[in-house]
Amino acid sequence: QVQLVESGGGLVQAGGSLRLSCAASGSMFRIDAMGWYRQAPGKQRDLVASITRGGSTNYTDSVKGRFTISRDNAKNTVYLQMNSLKPEDTAVYYCNADVRSFTSGLRPEAYWGQGTQVTVSS
């Protein structure tokens, strides 16, 4: 079984910064793409940023130039550096990873973290 554990959320004033981390552990052969999603109250969960194993990145338009996603393959960890935070960034942030394991026949399976709250005050 694979577990994703997030950390780094909290309360910050507008214009401030936070860094989220998500570490994967368990029986894994390889992690393909990793990403961060967010869900505000009453809204659907949306992609914020994603990164391939080779380091190619993708961002939703509203965070381009402010957020940076990165990963450390040796540590099975993905990060999200969030700068110039805005009140509209307030949400629960979820880590996602596509994991290949021997129990899945090396087919990629999606795993989710438990979520970490990010609150940006105006």
PDB file of N, CA and C in Angstrom:
ATOM      1  N   GLN A   1       0.847  -1.193   0.000  1.00  0.00           N
ATOM      2  CA  GLN A   1       0.000   0.000   0.000  1.00  0.00           C
ATOM      3  C   GLN A   1       0.883   1.244   0.000  1.00  0.00           C
ATOM      4  N   VAL A   2       0.424   2.262  -0.708  1.00  0.00           N
ATOM      5  CA  VAL A   2       1.173   3.505  -0.826  1.00  0.00           C
ATOM      6  C   VAL A   2       0.473   4.594  -0.031  1.00  0.00           C
ATOM      7  N   GLN A   3       1.258   5.388   0.666  1.00  0.00           N
ATOM      8  CA  GLN A   3       0.712   6.519   1.418  1.00  0.00           C
ATOM      9  C   GLN A   3       1.373   7.808   0.973  1.00  0.00           C
ATOM     10  N   LEU A   4       0.584   8.865   0.874  1.00  0.00           N
ATOM     11  CA  LEU A   4       1.091  10.206   0.588  1.00  0.00           C
ATOM     12  C   LEU A   4       0.792  11.072   1.805  1.00  0.00           C
ATOM     13  N   VAL A   5       1.824  11.690   2.342  1.00  0.00           N
ATOM     14  CA  VAL A   5       1.669  12.521   3.534  1.00  0.00           C
ATOM     15  C   VAL A   5       2.093  13.941   3.205  1.00  0.00           C
ATOM     16  N   GLU A   6       1.141  14.856   3.352  1.00  0.00           N
ATOM     17  CA  GLU A   6       1.391  16.263   3.043  1.00  0.00           C
ATOM     18  C   GLU A   6       1.745  17.035   4.310  1.00  0.00           C
ATOM     19  N   SER A   7       2.471  18.123   4.111  1.00  0.00           N
ATOM     20  CA  SER A   7       2.781  19.028   5.220  1.00  0.00           C
ATOM     21  C   SER A   7       3.031  20.426   4.655  1.00  0.00           C
ATOM     22  N   GLY A   8       2.974  21.423   5.529  1.00  0.00           N
ATOM     23  CA  GLY A   8       3.347  22.767   5.133  1.00  0.00           C
ATOM     24  C   GLY A   8       2.211  23.753   4.992  1.00  0.00           C
ATOM     25  N   GLY A   9       0.977  23.320   5.146  1.00  0.00           N
ATOM     26  CA  GLY A   9      -0.128  24.250   5.052  1.00  0.00           C
ATOM     27  C   GLY A   9      -0.182  25.163   6.273  1.00  0.00           C
ATOM     28  N   GLY A  10      -1.105  26.128   6.215  1.00  0.00           N
ATOM     29  CA  GLY A  10      -1.252  27.021   7.346  1.00  0.00           C
ATOM     30  C   GLY A  10      -1.965  28.306   6.964  1.00  0.00           C
ATOM     31  N   LEU A  11      -1.872  29.277   7.867  1.00  0.00           N
ATOM     32  CA  LEU A  11      -2.496  30.580   7.688  1.00  0.00           C
ATOM     33  C   LEU A  11      -1.417  31.597   7.358  1.00  0.00           C
ATOM     34  N   VAL A  12      -1.648  32.377   6.311  1.00  0.00           N
ATOM     35  CA  VAL A  12      -0.671  33.378   5.896  1.00  0.00           C
ATOM     36  C   VAL A  12      -1.416  34.606   5.384  1.00  0.00           C
ATOM     37  N   GLN A  13      -0.790  35.750   5.504  1.00  0.00           N
ATOM     38  CA  GLN A  13      -1.384  36.972   4.973  1.00  0.00           C
ATOM     39  C   GLN A  13      -1.184  37.068   3.469  1.00  0.00           C
ATOM     40  N   ALA A  14      -2.049  37.787   2.824  1.00  0.00           N
ATOM     41  CA  ALA A  14      -1.917  38.009   1.382  1.00  0.00           C
ATOM     42  C   ALA A  14      -0.545  38.585   1.073  1.00  0.00           C
ATOM     43  N   GLY A  15       0.055  38.043   0.025  1.00  0.00           N
ATOM     44  CA  GLY A  15       1.405  38.436  -0.343  1.00  0.00           C
ATOM     45  C   GLY A  15       2.477  37.560   0.247  1.00  0.00           C
ATOM     46  N   GLY A  16       2.096  36.715   1.179  1.00  0.00           N
ATOM     47  CA  GLY A  16       3.056  35.840   1.829  1.00  0.00           C
ATOM     48  C   GLY A  16       3.348  34.585   1.037  1.00  0.00           C
ATOM     49  N   SER A  17       4.141  33.695   1.648  1.00  0.00           N
ATOM     50  CA  SER A  17       4.576  32.467   0.981  1.00  0.00           C
ATOM     51  C   SER A  17       4.376  31.261   1.893  1.00  0.00           C
ATOM     52  N   LEU A  18       4.175  30.126   1.271  1.00  0.00           N
ATOM     53  CA  LEU A  18       4.140  28.832   1.950  1.00  0.00           C
ATOM     54  C   LEU A  18       4.784  27.808   1.037  1.00  0.00           C
ATOM     55  N   ARG A  19       5.320  26.770   1.641  1.00  0.00           N
ATOM     56  CA  ARG A  19       5.874  25.660   0.874  1.00  0.00           C
ATOM     57  C   ARG A  19       5.224  24.378   1.346  1.00  0.00           C
ATOM     58  N   LEU A  20       4.563  23.693   0.417  1.00  0.00           N
ATOM     59  CA  LEU A  20       3.940  22.417   0.713  1.00  0.00           C
ATOM     60  C   LEU A  20       4.878  21.284   0.304  1.00  0.00           C
ATOM     61  N   SER A  21       4.845  20.213   1.089  1.00  0.00           N
ATOM     62  CA  SER A  21       5.612  19.010   0.770  1.00  0.00           C
ATOM     63  C   SER A  21       4.682  17.808   0.798  1.00  0.00           C
ATOM     64  N   CYS A  22       5.009  16.818   0.008  1.00  0.00           N
ATOM     65  CA  CYS A  22       4.236  15.577  -0.017  1.00  0.00           C
ATOM     66  C   CYS A  22       5.204  14.432  -0.241  1.00  0.00           C
ATOM     67  N   ALA A  23       5.281  13.545   0.746  1.00  0.00           N
ATOM     68  CA  ALA A  23       6.191  12.414   0.670  1.00  0.00           C
ATOM     69  C   ALA A  23       5.404  11.122   0.478  1.00  0.00           C
ATOM     70  N   ALA A  24       5.825  10.331  -0.490  1.00  0.00           N
ATOM     71  CA  ALA A  24       5.204   9.033  -0.751  1.00  0.00           C
ATOM     72  C   ALA A  24       6.022   7.927  -0.109  1.00  0.00           C
ATOM     73  N   SER A  25       5.329   6.961   0.466  1.00  0.00           N
ATOM     74  CA  SER A  25       6.006   5.822   1.078  1.00  0.00           C
ATOM     75  C   SER A  25       5.195   4.562   0.834  1.00  0.00           C
ATOM     76  N   GLY A  26       5.858   3.417   0.995  1.00  0.00           N
ATOM     77  CA  GLY A  26       5.192   2.145   0.799  1.00  0.00           C
ATOM     78  C   GLY A  26       5.862   1.341  -0.290  1.00  0.00           C
ATOM     79  N   SER A  27       5.156   0.338  -0.752  1.00  0.00           N
ATOM     80  CA  SER A  27       5.700  -0.573  -1.748  1.00  0.00           C
ATOM     81  C   SER A  27       5.491   0.005  -3.143  1.00  0.00           C
ATOM     82  N   MET A  28       6.562   0.551  -3.703  1.00  0.00           N
ATOM     83  CA  MET A  28       6.480   1.220  -5.002  1.00  0.00           C
ATOM     84  C   MET A  28       7.604   0.753  -5.908  1.00  0.00           C
ATOM     85  N   PHE A  29       7.296   0.640  -7.200  1.00  0.00           N
ATOM     86  CA  PHE A  29       8.349   0.411  -8.188  1.00  0.00           C
ATOM     87  C   PHE A  29       8.846   1.747  -8.720  1.00  0.00           C
ATOM     88  N   ARG A  30       7.888   2.629  -9.049  1.00  0.00           N
ATOM     89  CA  ARG A  30       8.248   3.935  -9.599  1.00  0.00           C
ATOM     90  C   ARG A  30       7.060   4.870  -9.495  1.00  0.00           C
ATOM     91  N   ILE A  31       7.348   6.154  -9.325  1.00  0.00           N
ATOM     92  CA  ILE A  31       6.302   7.169  -9.363  1.00  0.00           C
ATOM     93  C   ILE A  31       6.416   7.926 -10.677  1.00  0.00           C
ATOM     94  N   ASP A  32       5.340   7.953 -11.421  1.00  0.00           N
ATOM     95  CA  ASP A  32       5.327   8.740 -12.663  1.00  0.00           C
ATOM     96  C   ASP A  32       4.982  10.187 -12.327  1.00  0.00           C
ATOM     97  N   ALA A  33       3.906  10.729 -12.877  1.00  0.00           N
ATOM     98  CA  ALA A  33       3.564  12.123 -12.627  1.00  0.00           C
ATOM     99  C   ALA A  33       3.120  12.337 -11.181  1.00  0.00           C
ATOM    100  N   MET A  34       3.417  13.516 -10.664  1.00  0.00           N
ATOM    101  CA  MET A  34       2.938  13.948  -9.353  1.00  0.00           C
ATOM    102  C   MET A  34       2.313  15.327  -9.525  1.00  0.00           C
ATOM    103  N   GLY A  35       1.405  15.639  -8.621  1.00  0.00           N
ATOM    104  CA  GLY A  35       0.745  16.933  -8.784  1.00  0.00           C
ATOM    105  C   GLY A  35       0.088  17.416  -7.519  1.00  0.00           C
ATOM    106  N   TRP A  36      -0.348  18.661  -7.584  1.00  0.00           N
ATOM    107  CA  TRP A  36      -1.102  19.284  -6.503  1.00  0.00           C
ATOM    108  C   TRP A  36      -2.446  19.759  -7.043  1.00  0.00           C
ATOM    109  N   TYR A  37      -3.479  19.449  -6.279  1.00  0.00           N
ATOM    110  CA  TYR A  37      -4.836  19.898  -6.583  1.00  0.00           C
ATOM    111  C   TYR A  37      -5.322  20.725  -5.404  1.00  0.00           C
ATOM    112  N   ARG A  38      -6.379  21.496  -5.606  1.00  0.00           N
ATOM    113  CA  ARG A  38      -6.966  22.232  -4.496  1.00  0.00           C
ATOM    114  C   ARG A  38      -8.487  22.247  -4.621  1.00  0.00           C
ATOM    115  N   GLN A  39      -9.108  22.333  -3.452  1.00  0.00           N
ATOM    116  CA  GLN A  39     -10.562  22.343  -3.408  1.00  0.00           C
ATOM    117  C   GLN A  39     -11.013  23.377  -2.391  1.00  0.00           C
ATOM    118  N   ALA A  40     -11.692  24.400  -2.885  1.00  0.00           N
ATOM    119  CA  ALA A  40     -12.268  25.417  -2.013  1.00  0.00           C
ATOM    120  C   ALA A  40     -13.672  24.982  -1.612  1.00  0.00           C
ATOM    121  N   PRO A  41     -14.202  25.509  -0.511  1.00  0.00           N
ATOM    122  CA  PRO A  41     -15.540  25.116  -0.060  1.00  0.00           C
ATOM    123  C   PRO A  41     -16.590  25.329  -1.153  1.00  0.00           C
ATOM    124  N   GLY A  42     -17.368  24.283  -1.397  1.00  0.00           N
ATOM    125  CA  GLY A  42     -18.436  24.375  -2.378  1.00  0.00           C
ATOM    126  C   GLY A  42     -17.998  24.285  -3.818  1.00  0.00           C
ATOM    127  N   LYS A  43     -16.706  24.029  -4.038  1.00  0.00           N
ATOM    128  CA  LYS A  43     -16.195  23.951  -5.400  1.00  0.00           C
ATOM    129  C   LYS A  43     -15.575  22.579  -5.656  1.00  0.00           C
ATOM    130  N   GLN A  44     -15.329  22.292  -6.931  1.00  0.00           N
ATOM    131  CA  GLN A  44     -14.733  21.014  -7.287  1.00  0.00           C
ATOM    132  C   GLN A  44     -13.226  21.065  -7.059  1.00  0.00           C
ATOM    133  N   ARG A  45     -12.620  19.902  -7.016  1.00  0.00           N
ATOM    134  CA  ARG A  45     -11.173  19.797  -6.874  1.00  0.00           C
ATOM    135  C   ARG A  45     -10.527  20.039  -8.245  1.00  0.00           C
ATOM    136  N   ASP A  46      -9.624  20.994  -8.290  1.00  0.00           N
ATOM    137  CA  ASP A  46      -9.000  21.379  -9.551  1.00  0.00           C
ATOM    138  C   ASP A  46      -7.485  21.212  -9.493  1.00  0.00           C
ATOM    139  N   LEU A  47      -6.899  20.937 -10.644  1.00  0.00           N
ATOM    140  CA  LEU A  47      -5.443  20.826 -10.740  1.00  0.00           C
ATOM    141  C   LEU A  47      -4.805  22.200 -10.559  1.00  0.00           C
ATOM    142  N   VAL A  48      -3.755  22.241  -9.738  1.00  0.00           N
ATOM    143  CA  VAL A  48      -2.960  23.457  -9.561  1.00  0.00           C
ATOM    144  C   VAL A  48      -1.680  23.369 -10.387  1.00  0.00           C
ATOM    145  N   ALA A  49      -0.966  22.267 -10.227  1.00  0.00           N
ATOM    146  CA  ALA A  49       0.294  22.083 -10.939  1.00  0.00           C
ATOM    147  C   ALA A  49       0.637  20.600 -10.976  1.00  0.00           C
ATOM    148  N   SER A  50       1.361  20.215 -12.005  1.00  0.00           N
ATOM    149  CA  SER A  50       1.813  18.825 -12.114  1.00  0.00           C
ATOM    150  C   SER A  50       3.234  18.798 -12.646  1.00  0.00           C
ATOM    151  N   ILE A  51       3.905  17.668 -12.400  1.00  0.00           N
ATOM    152  CA  ILE A  51       5.289  17.511 -12.831  1.00  0.00           C
ATOM    153  C   ILE A  51       5.524  16.061 -13.200  1.00  0.00           C
ATOM    154  N   THR A  52       6.157  15.840 -14.346  1.00  0.00           N
ATOM    155  CA  THR A  52       6.480  14.481 -14.760  1.00  0.00           C
ATOM    156  C   THR A  52       7.727  13.998 -14.029  1.00  0.00           C
ATOM    157  N   ARG A  53       8.027  12.743 -14.177  1.00  0.00           N
ATOM    158  CA  ARG A  53       9.213  12.200 -13.544  1.00  0.00           C
ATOM    159  C   ARG A  53      10.470  12.888 -14.090  1.00  0.00           C
ATOM    160  N   GLY A  54      10.424  13.292 -15.341  1.00  0.00           N
ATOM    161  CA  GLY A  54      11.570  13.954 -15.952  1.00  0.00           C
ATOM    162  C   GLY A  54      11.654  15.434 -15.655  1.00  0.00           C
ATOM    163  N   GLY A  55      10.627  15.985 -14.987  1.00  0.00           N
ATOM    164  CA  GLY A  55      10.703  17.375 -14.567  1.00  0.00           C
ATOM    165  C   GLY A  55       9.890  18.363 -15.390  1.00  0.00           C
ATOM    166  N   SER A  56       9.149  17.895 -16.372  1.00  0.00           N
ATOM    167  CA  SER A  56       8.294  18.815 -17.132  1.00  0.00           C
ATOM    168  C   SER A  56       7.115  19.228 -16.265  1.00  0.00           C
ATOM    169  N   THR A  57       6.795  20.515 -16.303  1.00  0.00           N
ATOM    170  CA  THR A  57       5.777  21.044 -15.409  1.00  0.00           C
ATOM    171  C   THR A  57       4.596  21.645 -16.168  1.00  0.00           C
ATOM    172  N   ASN A  58       3.488  21.718 -15.453  1.00  0.00           N
ATOM    173  CA  ASN A  58       2.263  22.300 -16.004  1.00  0.00           C
ATOM    174  C   ASN A  58       1.555  23.026 -14.860  1.00  0.00           C
ATOM    175  N   TYR A  59       1.045  24.247 -15.161  1.00  0.00           N
ATOM    176  CA  TYR A  59       0.378  25.039 -14.136  1.00  0.00           C
ATOM    177  C   TYR A  59      -0.965  25.544 -14.636  1.00  0.00           C
ATOM    178  N   THR A  60      -1.919  25.663 -13.718  1.00  0.00           N
ATOM    179  CA  THR A  60      -3.131  26.339 -14.071  1.00  0.00           C
ATOM    180  C   THR A  60      -2.823  27.837 -14.201  1.00  0.00           C
ATOM    181  N   ASP A  61      -3.559  28.517 -15.053  1.00  0.00           N
ATOM    182  CA  ASP A  61      -3.216  29.903 -15.391  1.00  0.00           C
ATOM    183  C   ASP A  61      -3.162  30.817 -14.169  1.00  0.00           C
ATOM    184  N   SER A  62      -4.028  30.595 -13.196  1.00  0.00           N
ATOM    185  CA  SER A  62      -4.133  31.531 -12.073  1.00  0.00           C
ATOM    186  C   SER A  62      -2.915  31.511 -11.153  1.00  0.00           C
ATOM    187  N   VAL A  63      -2.050  30.505 -11.263  1.00  0.00           N
ATOM    188  CA  VAL A  63      -0.884  30.431 -10.373  1.00  0.00           C
ATOM    189  C   VAL A  63       0.436  30.595 -11.117  1.00  0.00           C
ATOM    190  N   LYS A  64       0.373  30.724 -12.427  1.00  0.00           N
ATOM    191  CA  LYS A  64       1.607  30.877 -13.201  1.00  0.00           C
ATOM    192  C   LYS A  64       2.372  32.129 -12.757  1.00  0.00           C
ATOM    193  N   GLY A  65       3.672  31.959 -12.557  1.00  0.00           N
ATOM    194  CA  GLY A  65       4.516  33.058 -12.106  1.00  0.00           C
ATOM    195  C   GLY A  65       4.537  33.228 -10.605  1.00  0.00           C
ATOM    196  N   ARG A  66       3.639  32.534  -9.884  1.00  0.00           N
ATOM    197  CA  ARG A  66       3.599  32.650  -8.415  1.00  0.00           C
ATOM    198  C   ARG A  66       3.959  31.339  -7.729  1.00  0.00           C
ATOM    199  N   PHE A  67       3.535  30.218  -8.307  1.00  0.00           N
ATOM    200  CA  PHE A  67       3.777  28.897  -7.714  1.00  0.00           C
ATOM    201  C   PHE A  67       4.830  28.153  -8.527  1.00  0.00           C
ATOM    202  N   THR A  68       5.603  27.336  -7.821  1.00  0.00           N
ATOM    203  CA  THR A  68       6.594  26.486  -8.474  1.00  0.00           C
ATOM    204  C   THR A  68       6.500  25.075  -7.912  1.00  0.00           C
ATOM    205  N   ILE A  69       6.308  24.104  -8.809  1.00  0.00           N
ATOM    206  CA  ILE A  69       6.290  22.707  -8.401  1.00  0.00           C
ATOM    207  C   ILE A  69       7.649  22.098  -8.698  1.00  0.00           C
ATOM    208  N   SER A  70       8.102  21.230  -7.798  1.00  0.00           N
ATOM    209  CA  SER A  70       9.372  20.534  -7.994  1.00  0.00           C
ATOM    210  C   SER A  70       9.283  19.176  -7.323  1.00  0.00           C
ATOM    211  N   ARG A  71      10.229  18.308  -7.588  1.00  0.00           N
ATOM    212  CA  ARG A  71      10.207  16.980  -6.974  1.00  0.00           C
ATOM    213  C   ARG A  71      11.628  16.480  -6.782  1.00  0.00           C
ATOM    214  N   ASP A  72      11.739  15.568  -5.824  1.00  0.00           N
ATOM    215  CA  ASP A  72      12.985  14.880  -5.543  1.00  0.00           C
ATOM    216  C   ASP A  72      12.690  13.394  -5.705  1.00  0.00           C
ATOM    217  N   ASN A  73      13.097  12.830  -6.831  1.00  0.00           N
ATOM    218  CA  ASN A  73      12.766  11.425  -7.102  1.00  0.00           C
ATOM    219  C   ASN A  73      13.417  10.471  -6.096  1.00  0.00           C
ATOM    220  N   ALA A  74      14.592  10.821  -5.608  1.00  0.00           N
ATOM    221  CA  ALA A  74      15.270   9.951  -4.638  1.00  0.00           C
ATOM    222  C   ALA A  74      14.516   9.883  -3.317  1.00  0.00           C
ATOM    223  N   LYS A  75      13.794  10.951  -3.010  1.00  0.00           N
ATOM    224  CA  LYS A  75      13.025  11.001  -1.758  1.00  0.00           C
ATOM    225  C   LYS A  75      11.529  10.750  -1.980  1.00  0.00           C
ATOM    226  N   ASN A  76      11.136  10.500  -3.221  1.00  0.00           N
ATOM    227  CA  ASN A  76       9.710  10.294  -3.536  1.00  0.00           C
ATOM    228  C   ASN A  76       8.847  11.429  -2.997  1.00  0.00           C
ATOM    229  N   THR A  77       9.323  12.630  -3.187  1.00  0.00           N
ATOM    230  CA  THR A  77       8.674  13.803  -2.607  1.00  0.00           C
ATOM    231  C   THR A  77       8.430  14.866  -3.677  1.00  0.00           C
ATOM    232  N   VAL A  78       7.280  15.516  -3.561  1.00  0.00           N
ATOM    233  CA  VAL A  78       6.942  16.631  -4.436  1.00  0.00           C
ATOM    234  C   VAL A  78       6.687  17.856  -3.568  1.00  0.00           C
ATOM    235  N   TYR A  79       7.065  19.016  -4.099  1.00  0.00           N
ATOM    236  CA  TYR A  79       6.941  20.270  -3.372  1.00  0.00           C
ATOM    237  C   TYR A  79       6.108  21.263  -4.180  1.00  0.00           C
ATOM    238  N   LEU A  80       5.501  22.201  -3.454  1.00  0.00           N
ATOM    239  CA  LEU A  80       4.831  23.309  -4.105  1.00  0.00           C
ATOM    240  C   LEU A  80       5.209  24.582  -3.357  1.00  0.00           C
ATOM    241  N   GLN A  81       6.033  25.402  -3.987  1.00  0.00           N
ATOM    242  CA  GLN A  81       6.399  26.690  -3.421  1.00  0.00           C
ATOM    243  C   GLN A  81       5.375  27.701  -3.890  1.00  0.00           C
ATOM    244  N   MET A  82       4.702  28.327  -2.930  1.00  0.00           N
ATOM    245  CA  MET A  82       3.634  29.277  -3.246  1.00  0.00           C
ATOM    246  C   MET A  82       4.029  30.662  -2.764  1.00  0.00           C
ATOM    247  N   ASN A  83       4.208  31.570  -3.706  1.00  0.00           N
ATOM    248  CA  ASN A  83       4.563  32.944  -3.398  1.00  0.00           C
ATOM    249  C   ASN A  83       3.438  33.888  -3.800  1.00  0.00           C
ATOM    250  N   SER A  84       3.504  35.108  -3.284  1.00  0.00           N
ATOM    251  CA  SER A  84       2.497  36.130  -3.615  1.00  0.00           C
ATOM    252  C   SER A  84       1.088  35.581  -3.465  1.00  0.00           C
ATOM    253  N   LEU A  85       0.847  34.936  -2.351  1.00  0.00           N
ATOM    254  CA  LEU A  85      -0.448  34.291  -2.127  1.00  0.00           C
ATOM    255  C   LEU A  85      -1.574  35.306  -2.068  1.00  0.00           C
ATOM    256  N   LYS A  86      -2.730  34.871  -2.572  1.00  0.00           N
ATOM    257  CA  LYS A  86      -3.929  35.699  -2.613  1.00  0.00           C
ATOM    258  C   LYS A  86      -5.052  35.020  -1.840  1.00  0.00           C
ATOM    259  N   PRO A  87      -6.022  35.776  -1.349  1.00  0.00           N
ATOM    260  CA  PRO A  87      -7.147  35.141  -0.636  1.00  0.00           C
ATOM    261  C   PRO A  87      -7.837  34.067  -1.474  1.00  0.00           C
ATOM    262  N   GLU A  88      -7.879  34.240  -2.766  1.00  0.00           N
ATOM    263  CA  GLU A  88      -8.527  33.233  -3.623  1.00  0.00           C
ATOM    264  C   GLU A  88      -7.730  31.937  -3.735  1.00  0.00           C
ATOM    265  N   ASP A  89      -6.523  31.901  -3.187  1.00  0.00           N
ATOM    266  CA  ASP A  89      -5.762  30.648  -3.127  1.00  0.00           C
ATOM    267  C   ASP A  89      -6.181  29.791  -1.932  1.00  0.00           C
ATOM    268  N   THR A  90      -7.040  30.325  -1.083  1.00  0.00           N
ATOM    269  CA  THR A  90      -7.504  29.579   0.085  1.00  0.00           C
ATOM    270  C   THR A  90      -8.241  28.321  -0.345  1.00  0.00           C
ATOM    271  N   ALA A  91      -7.803  27.173   0.173  1.00  0.00           N
ATOM    272  CA  ALA A  91      -8.390  25.886  -0.198  1.00  0.00           C
ATOM    273  C   ALA A  91      -7.695  24.783   0.583  1.00  0.00           C
ATOM    274  N   VAL A  92      -8.240  23.596   0.476  1.00  0.00           N
ATOM    275  CA  VAL A  92      -7.515  22.408   0.913  1.00  0.00           C
ATOM    276  C   VAL A  92      -6.692  21.919  -0.281  1.00  0.00           C
ATOM    277  N   TYR A  93      -5.417  21.728  -0.073  1.00  0.00           N
ATOM    278  CA  TYR A  93      -4.510  21.301  -1.130  1.00  0.00           C
ATOM    279  C   TYR A  93      -4.216  19.813  -0.983  1.00  0.00           C
ATOM    280  N   TYR A  94      -4.375  19.091  -2.088  1.00  0.00           N
ATOM    281  CA  TYR A  94      -4.177  17.652  -2.103  1.00  0.00           C
ATOM    282  C   TYR A  94      -3.028  17.280  -3.023  1.00  0.00           C
ATOM    283  N   CYS A  95      -2.220  16.359  -2.548  1.00  0.00           N
ATOM    284  CA  CYS A  95      -1.143  15.795  -3.347  1.00  0.00           C
ATOM    285  C   CYS A  95      -1.671  14.574  -4.095  1.00  0.00           C
ATOM    286  N   ASN A  96      -1.187  14.383  -5.305  1.00  0.00           N
ATOM    287  CA  ASN A  96      -1.579  13.237  -6.134  1.00  0.00           C
ATOM    288  C   ASN A  96      -0.335  12.633  -6.768  1.00  0.00           C
ATOM    289  N   ALA A  97      -0.316  11.307  -6.870  1.00  0.00           N
ATOM    290  CA  ALA A  97       0.822  10.648  -7.515  1.00  0.00           C
ATOM    291  C   ALA A  97       0.345   9.436  -8.293  1.00  0.00           C
ATOM    292  N   ASP A  98       0.903   9.243  -9.465  1.00  0.00           N
ATOM    293  CA  ASP A  98       0.643   8.045 -10.263  1.00  0.00           C
ATOM    294  C   ASP A  98       1.763   7.049  -9.980  1.00  0.00           C
ATOM    295  N   VAL A  99       1.417   5.962  -9.296  1.00  0.00           N
ATOM    296  CA  VAL A  99       2.414   5.036  -8.770  1.00  0.00           C
ATOM    297  C   VAL A  99       2.300   3.677  -9.459  1.00  0.00           C
ATOM    298  N   ARG A 100       3.442   3.160  -9.862  1.00  0.00           N
ATOM    299  CA  ARG A 100       3.515   1.794 -10.398  1.00  0.00           C
ATOM    300  C   ARG A 100       4.090   0.897  -9.310  1.00  0.00           C
ATOM    301  N   SER A 101       3.439  -0.211  -9.082  1.00  0.00           N
ATOM    302  CA  SER A 101       3.923  -1.172  -8.095  1.00  0.00           C
ATOM    303  C   SER A 101       3.757  -2.571  -8.650  1.00  0.00           C
ATOM    304  N   PHE A 102       4.437  -3.531  -8.022  1.00  0.00           N
ATOM    305  CA  PHE A 102       4.322  -4.913  -8.468  1.00  0.00           C
ATOM    306  C   PHE A 102       2.925  -5.453  -8.178  1.00  0.00           C
ATOM    307  N   THR A 103       2.285  -4.961  -7.125  1.00  0.00           N
ATOM    308  CA  THR A 103       0.935  -5.437  -6.810  1.00  0.00           C
ATOM    309  C   THR A 103      -0.083  -4.967  -7.835  1.00  0.00           C
ATOM    310  N   SER A 104       0.230  -3.882  -8.553  1.00  0.00           N
ATOM    311  CA  SER A 104      -0.677  -3.400  -9.595  1.00  0.00           C
ATOM    312  C   SER A 104      -0.254  -3.900 -10.969  1.00  0.00           C
ATOM    313  N   GLY A 105       0.703  -4.819 -10.997  1.00  0.00           N
ATOM    314  CA  GLY A 105       1.194  -5.293 -12.288  1.00  0.00           C
ATOM    315  C   GLY A 105       1.930  -4.230 -13.064  1.00  0.00           C
ATOM    316  N   LEU A 106       2.501  -3.276 -12.323  1.00  0.00           N
ATOM    317  CA  LEU A 106       3.249  -2.145 -12.867  1.00  0.00           C
ATOM    318  C   LEU A 106       2.365  -1.186 -13.659  1.00  0.00           C
ATOM    319  N   ARG A 107       1.060  -1.306 -13.498  1.00  0.00           N
ATOM    320  CA  ARG A 107       0.160  -0.324 -14.100  1.00  0.00           C
ATOM    321  C   ARG A 107       0.082   0.880 -13.158  1.00  0.00           C
ATOM    322  N   PRO A 108       0.013   2.083 -13.696  1.00  0.00           N
ATOM    323  CA  PRO A 108      -0.056   3.254 -12.811  1.00  0.00           C
ATOM    324  C   PRO A 108      -1.398   3.340 -12.103  1.00  0.00           C
ATOM    325  N   GLU A 109      -1.338   3.593 -10.819  1.00  0.00           N
ATOM    326  CA  GLU A 109      -2.527   3.816 -10.004  1.00  0.00           C
ATOM    327  C   GLU A 109      -2.413   5.176  -9.334  1.00  0.00           C
ATOM    328  N   ALA A 110      -3.514   5.872  -9.242  1.00  0.00           N
ATOM    329  CA  ALA A 110      -3.518   7.206  -8.636  1.00  0.00           C
ATOM    330  C   ALA A 110      -3.747   7.109  -7.134  1.00  0.00           C
ATOM    331  N   TYR A 111      -2.896   7.811  -6.404  1.00  0.00           N
ATOM    332  CA  TYR A 111      -3.021   7.898  -4.954  1.00  0.00           C
ATOM    333  C   TYR A 111      -3.165   9.371  -4.557  1.00  0.00           C
ATOM    334  N   TRP A 112      -3.855   9.580  -3.429  1.00  0.00           N
ATOM    335  CA  TRP A 112      -4.091  10.935  -2.937  1.00  0.00           C
ATOM    336  C   TRP A 112      -3.624  11.075  -1.493  1.00  0.00           C
ATOM    337  N   GLY A 113      -3.160  12.270  -1.173  1.00  0.00           N
ATOM    338  CA  GLY A 113      -2.882  12.585   0.217  1.00  0.00           C
ATOM    339  C   GLY A 113      -4.158  12.971   0.932  1.00  0.00           C
ATOM    340  N   GLN A 114      -4.025  13.233   2.234  1.00  0.00           N
ATOM    341  CA  GLN A 114      -5.187  13.539   3.060  1.00  0.00           C
ATOM    342  C   GLN A 114      -5.614  14.994   2.957  1.00  0.00           C
ATOM    343  N   GLY A 115      -4.769  15.822   2.388  1.00  0.00           N
ATOM    344  CA  GLY A 115      -5.095  17.231   2.228  1.00  0.00           C
ATOM    345  C   GLY A 115      -4.492  18.081   3.327  1.00  0.00           C
ATOM    346  N   THR A 116      -4.120  19.308   2.964  1.00  0.00           N
ATOM    347  CA  THR A 116      -3.605  20.265   3.942  1.00  0.00           C
ATOM    348  C   THR A 116      -4.255  21.619   3.665  1.00  0.00           C
ATOM    349  N   GLN A 117      -4.707  22.257   4.717  1.00  0.00           N
ATOM    350  CA  GLN A 117      -5.440  23.515   4.574  1.00  0.00           C
ATOM    351  C   GLN A 117      -4.472  24.678   4.376  1.00  0.00           C
ATOM    352  N   VAL A 118      -4.767  25.495   3.372  1.00  0.00           N
ATOM    353  CA  VAL A 118      -4.051  26.745   3.146  1.00  0.00           C
ATOM    354  C   VAL A 118      -5.082  27.871   3.222  1.00  0.00           C
ATOM    355  N   THR A 119      -4.848  28.796   4.128  1.00  0.00           N
ATOM    356  CA  THR A 119      -5.757  29.929   4.309  1.00  0.00           C
ATOM    357  C   THR A 119      -4.969  31.223   4.137  1.00  0.00           C
ATOM    358  N   VAL A 120      -5.438  32.072   3.227  1.00  0.00           N
ATOM    359  CA  VAL A 120      -4.771  33.346   2.956  1.00  0.00           C
ATOM    360  C   VAL A 120      -5.713  34.471   3.376  1.00  0.00           C
ATOM    361  N   SER A 121      -5.286  35.258   4.336  1.00  0.00           N
ATOM    362  CA  SER A 121      -6.115  36.345   4.836  1.00  0.00           C
ATOM    363  C   SER A 121      -5.804  37.641   4.086  1.00  0.00           C
ATOM    364  N   SER A 122      -6.828  38.462   3.933  1.00  0.00           N
ATOM    365  CA  SER A 122      -6.655  39.724   3.188  1.00  0.00           C
ATOM    366  C   SER A 122      -6.203  40.846   4.105  1.00  0.00           C
TER     367      SER A 122
END
